[in-house]
Amino acid sequence: MKRRHFLGVLGAGSLAGLLPGLAAARPKPELTRAEGLEVLELSEAEWRERLSEEQFEVLRDEGTEPAFSSPLDKETREGEYRCAGCDLLLFTSAMKYDSGTGWPSFFEHVEGHLLTRVDYFLVFPRTEYHCARCGGHQGHIFDDGPEPTGLRWCNNGLALTFSPASPGA
């Protein structure tokens, strides 16, 4: 869903997924790219060829998928969560938890693999985060997560791929 369709989200009942973060949306410090991580730059046509229409909307147009629509929200196997745009490792299953918001949520991330910026789309400031390699929009960070960080990295499932851990690994 494109940002201009935000009111449609409210009407579609997704407000419940947004409310937990409304009171905890203070901007977070800016993150830095891992040393040696090369930036991937593609044309719009190349991105459209690489991604599904839904993935393009989230990763390149900064859309948001409907709450509870991603199977990754309920994924519980051990493994890795990677950027759907460039396959960069962003999270592991050890960093994931069930926030009840309807989006895959993590309390930590792989350092240097995500970048942040302040987003004022909903008027109040929120911290949005993107893949440090391809710039693909992933989600927003909120202060209502579990210990030890107290953060909730609220991610669009369409912006991720999941690779289960190998048996015996």
C-alpha atoms as a PDB file:
ATOM      1  CA  MET A   1       0.000   0.000   0.000  1.00  0.00           C
ATOM      2  CA  LYS A   2       1.348   3.383  -0.924  1.00  0.00           C
ATOM      3  CA  ARG A   3       1.567   6.091   1.707  1.00  0.00           C
ATOM      4  CA  ARG A   4      -1.136   8.057  -0.066  1.00  0.00           C
ATOM      5  CA  HIS A   5      -3.468   5.161   0.644  1.00  0.00           C
ATOM      6  CA  PHE A   6      -2.940   5.430   4.402  1.00  0.00           C
ATOM      7  CA  LEU A   7      -6.545   6.411   5.099  1.00  0.00           C
ATOM      8  CA  GLY A   8      -7.606   3.233   3.344  1.00  0.00           C
ATOM      9  CA  VAL A   9      -5.538   1.251   5.817  1.00  0.00           C
ATOM     10  CA  LEU A  10      -7.353   2.881   8.691  1.00  0.00           C
ATOM     11  CA  GLY A  11     -10.657   1.947   7.154  1.00  0.00           C
ATOM     12  CA  ALA A  12      -9.441  -1.593   6.557  1.00  0.00           C
ATOM     13  CA  GLY A  13      -8.957  -2.194  10.280  1.00  0.00           C
ATOM     14  CA  SER A  14      -5.173  -2.029  10.374  1.00  0.00           C
ATOM     15  CA  LEU A  15      -5.232   0.782  12.921  1.00  0.00           C
ATOM     16  CA  ALA A  16      -4.864  -1.802  15.679  1.00  0.00           C
ATOM     17  CA  GLY A  17      -1.438  -2.721  14.299  1.00  0.00           C
ATOM     18  CA  LEU A  18      -0.365   0.917  14.278  1.00  0.00           C
ATOM     19  CA  LEU A  19      -1.607   1.923  17.726  1.00  0.00           C
ATOM     20  CA  PRO A  20       1.006   0.054  19.806  1.00  0.00           C
ATOM     21  CA  GLY A  21       3.713   2.194  18.267  1.00  0.00           C
ATOM     22  CA  LEU A  22       1.962   5.562  18.376  1.00  0.00           C
ATOM     23  CA  ALA A  23       3.006   6.333  21.937  1.00  0.00           C
ATOM     24  CA  ALA A  24       6.492   4.945  21.369  1.00  0.00           C
ATOM     25  CA  ALA A  25       7.536   6.578  18.135  1.00  0.00           C
ATOM     26  CA  ARG A  26      10.366   8.888  19.187  1.00  0.00           C
ATOM     27  CA  PRO A  27      13.128   9.064  16.558  1.00  0.00           C
ATOM     28  CA  LYS A  28      16.070   6.700  17.145  1.00  0.00           C
ATOM     29  CA  PRO A  29      19.742   7.428  16.485  1.00  0.00           C
ATOM     30  CA  GLU A  30      20.905   7.157  12.896  1.00  0.00           C
ATOM     31  CA  LEU A  31      22.637   3.865  12.082  1.00  0.00           C
ATOM     32  CA  THR A  32      25.756   3.511   9.937  1.00  0.00           C
ATOM     33  CA  ARG A  33      26.513   1.068   7.112  1.00  0.00           C
ATOM     34  CA  ALA A  34      28.892  -1.805   7.858  1.00  0.00           C
ATOM     35  CA  GLU A  35      32.409  -1.156   6.651  1.00  0.00           C
ATOM     36  CA  GLY A  36      33.025  -2.729   3.244  1.00  0.00           C
ATOM     37  CA  LEU A  37      29.329  -3.267   2.476  1.00  0.00           C
ATOM     38  CA  GLU A  38      28.875  -2.307  -1.169  1.00  0.00           C
ATOM     39  CA  VAL A  39      25.757  -0.396  -2.190  1.00  0.00           C
ATOM     40  CA  LEU A  40      23.533  -1.997  -4.842  1.00  0.00           C
ATOM     41  CA  GLU A  41      22.019   0.535  -7.214  1.00  0.00           C
ATOM     42  CA  LEU A  42      19.561  -0.567  -9.907  1.00  0.00           C
ATOM     43  CA  SER A  43      17.262   1.327 -12.234  1.00  0.00           C
ATOM     44  CA  GLU A  44      13.520   1.295 -11.628  1.00  0.00           C
ATOM     45  CA  ALA A  45      13.146  -1.126 -14.561  1.00  0.00           C
ATOM     46  CA  GLU A  46      15.751  -3.475 -13.058  1.00  0.00           C
ATOM     47  CA  TRP A  47      13.988  -3.392  -9.673  1.00  0.00           C
ATOM     48  CA  ARG A  48      10.633  -4.114 -11.352  1.00  0.00           C
ATOM     49  CA  GLU A  49      12.187  -7.103 -13.102  1.00  0.00           C
ATOM     50  CA  ARG A  50      13.740  -8.406  -9.887  1.00  0.00           C
ATOM     51  CA  LEU A  51      10.760  -7.914  -7.517  1.00  0.00           C
ATOM     52  CA  SER A  52       7.086  -8.842  -7.542  1.00  0.00           C
ATOM     53  CA  GLU A  53       4.666  -5.920  -7.853  1.00  0.00           C
ATOM     54  CA  GLU A  54       3.862  -6.173  -4.133  1.00  0.00           C
ATOM     55  CA  GLN A  55       7.533  -6.299  -3.138  1.00  0.00           C
ATOM     56  CA  PHE A  56       8.294  -3.298  -5.363  1.00  0.00           C
ATOM     57  CA  GLU A  57       5.536  -1.310  -3.667  1.00  0.00           C
ATOM     58  CA  VAL A  58       6.987  -1.992  -0.207  1.00  0.00           C
ATOM     59  CA  LEU A  59      10.730  -1.949  -0.914  1.00  0.00           C
ATOM     60  CA  ARG A  60      10.942   0.837  -3.502  1.00  0.00           C
ATOM     61  CA  ASP A  61       7.755   2.910  -2.927  1.00  0.00           C
ATOM     62  CA  GLU A  62       7.873   2.572   0.898  1.00  0.00           C
ATOM     63  CA  GLY A  63       4.457   0.955   1.111  1.00  0.00           C
ATOM     64  CA  THR A  64       3.093  -1.141   3.960  1.00  0.00           C
ATOM     65  CA  GLU A  65       1.534  -4.564   3.587  1.00  0.00           C
ATOM     66  CA  PRO A  66      -1.734  -5.265   5.441  1.00  0.00           C
ATOM     67  CA  ALA A  67      -1.350  -6.445   9.031  1.00  0.00           C
ATOM     68  CA  PHE A  68      -1.503 -10.233   9.507  1.00  0.00           C
ATOM     69  CA  SER A  69      -0.991 -10.847   5.768  1.00  0.00           C
ATOM     70  CA  SER A  70       2.566 -12.212   5.896  1.00  0.00           C
ATOM     71  CA  PRO A  71       3.296 -15.853   6.742  1.00  0.00           C
ATOM     72  CA  LEU A  72       6.627 -14.631   8.159  1.00  0.00           C
ATOM     73  CA  ASP A  73       4.724 -13.041  11.057  1.00  0.00           C
ATOM     74  CA  LYS A  74       4.106 -16.530  12.482  1.00  0.00           C
ATOM     75  CA  GLU A  75       7.373 -18.134  11.307  1.00  0.00           C
ATOM     76  CA  THR A  76       9.011 -19.881  14.285  1.00  0.00           C
ATOM     77  CA  ARG A  77      11.718 -22.053  12.715  1.00  0.00           C
ATOM     78  CA  GLU A  78      15.398 -21.288  13.241  1.00  0.00           C
ATOM     79  CA  GLY A  79      16.931 -19.436  10.343  1.00  0.00           C
ATOM     80  CA  GLU A  80      17.783 -16.118   8.745  1.00  0.00           C
ATOM     81  CA  TYR A  81      15.690 -13.196   7.532  1.00  0.00           C
ATOM     82  CA  ARG A  82      17.205 -11.496   4.497  1.00  0.00           C
ATOM     83  CA  CYS A  83      16.320  -8.447   2.413  1.00  0.00           C
ATOM     84  CA  ALA A  84      14.024  -9.515  -0.436  1.00  0.00           C
ATOM     85  CA  GLY A  85      15.698  -6.923  -2.653  1.00  0.00           C
ATOM     86  CA  CYS A  86      19.346  -7.953  -2.347  1.00  0.00           C
ATOM     87  CA  ASP A  87      19.573 -10.974  -0.001  1.00  0.00           C
ATOM     88  CA  LEU A  88      21.497  -9.122   2.733  1.00  0.00           C
ATOM     89  CA  LEU A  89      21.151 -10.755   6.167  1.00  0.00           C
ATOM     90  CA  LEU A  90      19.088  -8.399   8.370  1.00  0.00           C
ATOM     91  CA  PHE A  91      17.824 -10.562  11.269  1.00  0.00           C
ATOM     92  CA  THR A  92      18.090 -14.071  12.698  1.00  0.00           C
ATOM     93  CA  SER A  93      15.348 -16.138  14.287  1.00  0.00           C
ATOM     94  CA  ALA A  94      17.004 -15.535  17.690  1.00  0.00           C
ATOM     95  CA  MET A  95      16.156 -11.822  17.270  1.00  0.00           C
ATOM     96  CA  LYS A  96      12.480 -12.409  16.415  1.00  0.00           C
ATOM     97  CA  TYR A  97       9.449 -12.322  18.710  1.00  0.00           C
ATOM     98  CA  ASP A  98       5.655 -12.234  18.371  1.00  0.00           C
ATOM     99  CA  SER A  99       4.606  -8.618  18.931  1.00  0.00           C
ATOM    100  CA  GLY A 100       0.930  -9.283  18.195  1.00  0.00           C
ATOM    101  CA  THR A 101       0.888  -6.377  15.719  1.00  0.00           C
ATOM    102  CA  GLY A 102       0.524  -8.513  12.582  1.00  0.00           C
ATOM    103  CA  TRP A 103       3.997  -7.861  11.151  1.00  0.00           C
ATOM    104  CA  PRO A 104       7.241  -9.803  11.671  1.00  0.00           C
ATOM    105  CA  SER A 105       8.953  -8.132  14.634  1.00  0.00           C
ATOM    106  CA  PHE A 106      12.490  -8.247  15.957  1.00  0.00           C
ATOM    107  CA  PHE A 107      14.149  -6.811  19.081  1.00  0.00           C
ATOM    108  CA  GLU A 108      17.597  -6.614  17.448  1.00  0.00           C
ATOM    109  CA  HIS A 109      19.160  -6.478  13.972  1.00  0.00           C
ATOM    110  CA  VAL A 110      22.441  -7.352  12.276  1.00  0.00           C
ATOM    111  CA  GLU A 111      24.648  -4.340  13.000  1.00  0.00           C
ATOM    112  CA  GLY A 112      25.572  -2.251   9.977  1.00  0.00           C
ATOM    113  CA  HIS A 113      22.991  -3.899   7.716  1.00  0.00           C
ATOM    114  CA  LEU A 114      20.180  -1.381   8.307  1.00  0.00           C
ATOM    115  CA  LEU A 115      20.061   2.407   8.016  1.00  0.00           C
ATOM    116  CA  THR A 116      17.529   4.739   9.637  1.00  0.00           C
ATOM    117  CA  ARG A 117      15.906   8.064   8.919  1.00  0.00           C
ATOM    118  CA  VAL A 118      13.109  10.099  10.477  1.00  0.00           C
ATOM    119  CA  ASP A 119       9.700   9.761   8.815  1.00  0.00           C
ATOM    120  CA  TYR A 120       7.005  12.419   9.384  1.00  0.00           C
ATOM    121  CA  PHE A 121       4.325  10.797   7.213  1.00  0.00           C
ATOM    122  CA  LEU A 122       1.898  10.431  10.144  1.00  0.00           C
ATOM    123  CA  VAL A 123       2.766  13.975  11.325  1.00  0.00           C
ATOM    124  CA  PHE A 124       4.634  12.784  14.436  1.00  0.00           C
ATOM    125  CA  PRO A 125       8.228  11.598  13.935  1.00  0.00           C
ATOM    126  CA  ARG A 126       8.877   7.889  13.505  1.00  0.00           C
ATOM    127  CA  THR A 127      12.109   6.087  12.720  1.00  0.00           C
ATOM    128  CA  GLU A 128      11.987   4.276   9.410  1.00  0.00           C
ATOM    129  CA  TYR A 129      14.661   1.757   8.453  1.00  0.00           C
ATOM    130  CA  HIS A 130      16.053   0.521   5.154  1.00  0.00           C
ATOM    131  CA  CYS A 131      18.453  -2.145   3.921  1.00  0.00           C
ATOM    132  CA  ALA A 132      21.987  -0.741   4.010  1.00  0.00           C
ATOM    133  CA  ARG A 133      22.914  -2.441   0.714  1.00  0.00           C
ATOM    134  CA  CYS A 134      19.967  -1.730  -1.612  1.00  0.00           C
ATOM    135  CA  GLY A 135      18.049   0.968   0.288  1.00  0.00           C
ATOM    136  CA  GLY A 136      14.883  -1.153   0.311  1.00  0.00           C
ATOM    137  CA  HIS A 137      12.260   0.035   2.822  1.00  0.00           C
ATOM    138  CA  GLN A 138      11.796  -2.529   5.589  1.00  0.00           C
ATOM    139  CA  GLY A 139       9.672  -0.920   8.326  1.00  0.00           C
ATOM    140  CA  HIS A 140       9.746   1.254  11.453  1.00  0.00           C
ATOM    141  CA  ILE A 141      11.326   1.043  14.922  1.00  0.00           C
ATOM    142  CA  PHE A 142       9.265   1.502  18.096  1.00  0.00           C
ATOM    143  CA  ASP A 143      10.104   1.620  21.827  1.00  0.00           C
ATOM    144  CA  ASP A 144       7.609  -1.070  22.865  1.00  0.00           C
ATOM    145  CA  GLY A 145       9.731  -4.182  22.309  1.00  0.00           C
ATOM    146  CA  PRO A 146      11.005  -6.762  24.793  1.00  0.00           C
ATOM    147  CA  GLU A 147      14.260  -6.769  26.737  1.00  0.00           C
ATOM    148  CA  PRO A 148      17.138  -6.609  26.306  1.00  0.00           C
ATOM    149  CA  THR A 149      16.761  -3.704  23.818  1.00  0.00           C
ATOM    150  CA  GLY A 150      13.182  -2.554  24.432  1.00  0.00           C
ATOM    151  CA  LEU A 151      12.871  -1.981  20.673  1.00  0.00           C
ATOM    152  CA  ARG A 152      10.450  -3.388  18.110  1.00  0.00           C
ATOM    153  CA  TRP A 153      11.812  -3.530  14.575  1.00  0.00           C
ATOM    154  CA  CYS A 154       8.438  -3.831  12.833  1.00  0.00           C
ATOM    155  CA  ASN A 155       9.123  -5.273   9.368  1.00  0.00           C
ATOM    156  CA  ASN A 156       7.056  -5.831   6.245  1.00  0.00           C
ATOM    157  CA  GLY A 157       7.089  -9.549   5.457  1.00  0.00           C
ATOM    158  CA  LEU A 158       7.163  -8.760   1.726  1.00  0.00           C
ATOM    159  CA  ALA A 159      10.515  -7.021   2.274  1.00  0.00           C
ATOM    160  CA  LEU A 160      12.073 -10.225   3.668  1.00  0.00           C
ATOM    161  CA  THR A 161      12.910 -13.741   2.622  1.00  0.00           C
ATOM    162  CA  PHE A 162      13.362 -16.515   5.174  1.00  0.00           C
ATOM    163  CA  SER A 163      16.061 -19.189   4.940  1.00  0.00           C
ATOM    164  CA  PRO A 164      15.552 -22.018   7.438  1.00  0.00           C
ATOM    165  CA  ALA A 165      18.635 -23.271   9.258  1.00  0.00           C
ATOM    166  CA  SER A 166      20.076 -26.517   7.937  1.00  0.00           C
ATOM    167  CA  PRO A 167      19.247 -29.568  10.060  1.00  0.00           C
ATOM    168  CA  GLY A 168      22.089 -30.243  12.466  1.00  0.00           C
ATOM    169  CA  ALA A 169      23.551 -26.765  11.988  1.00  0.00           C
END
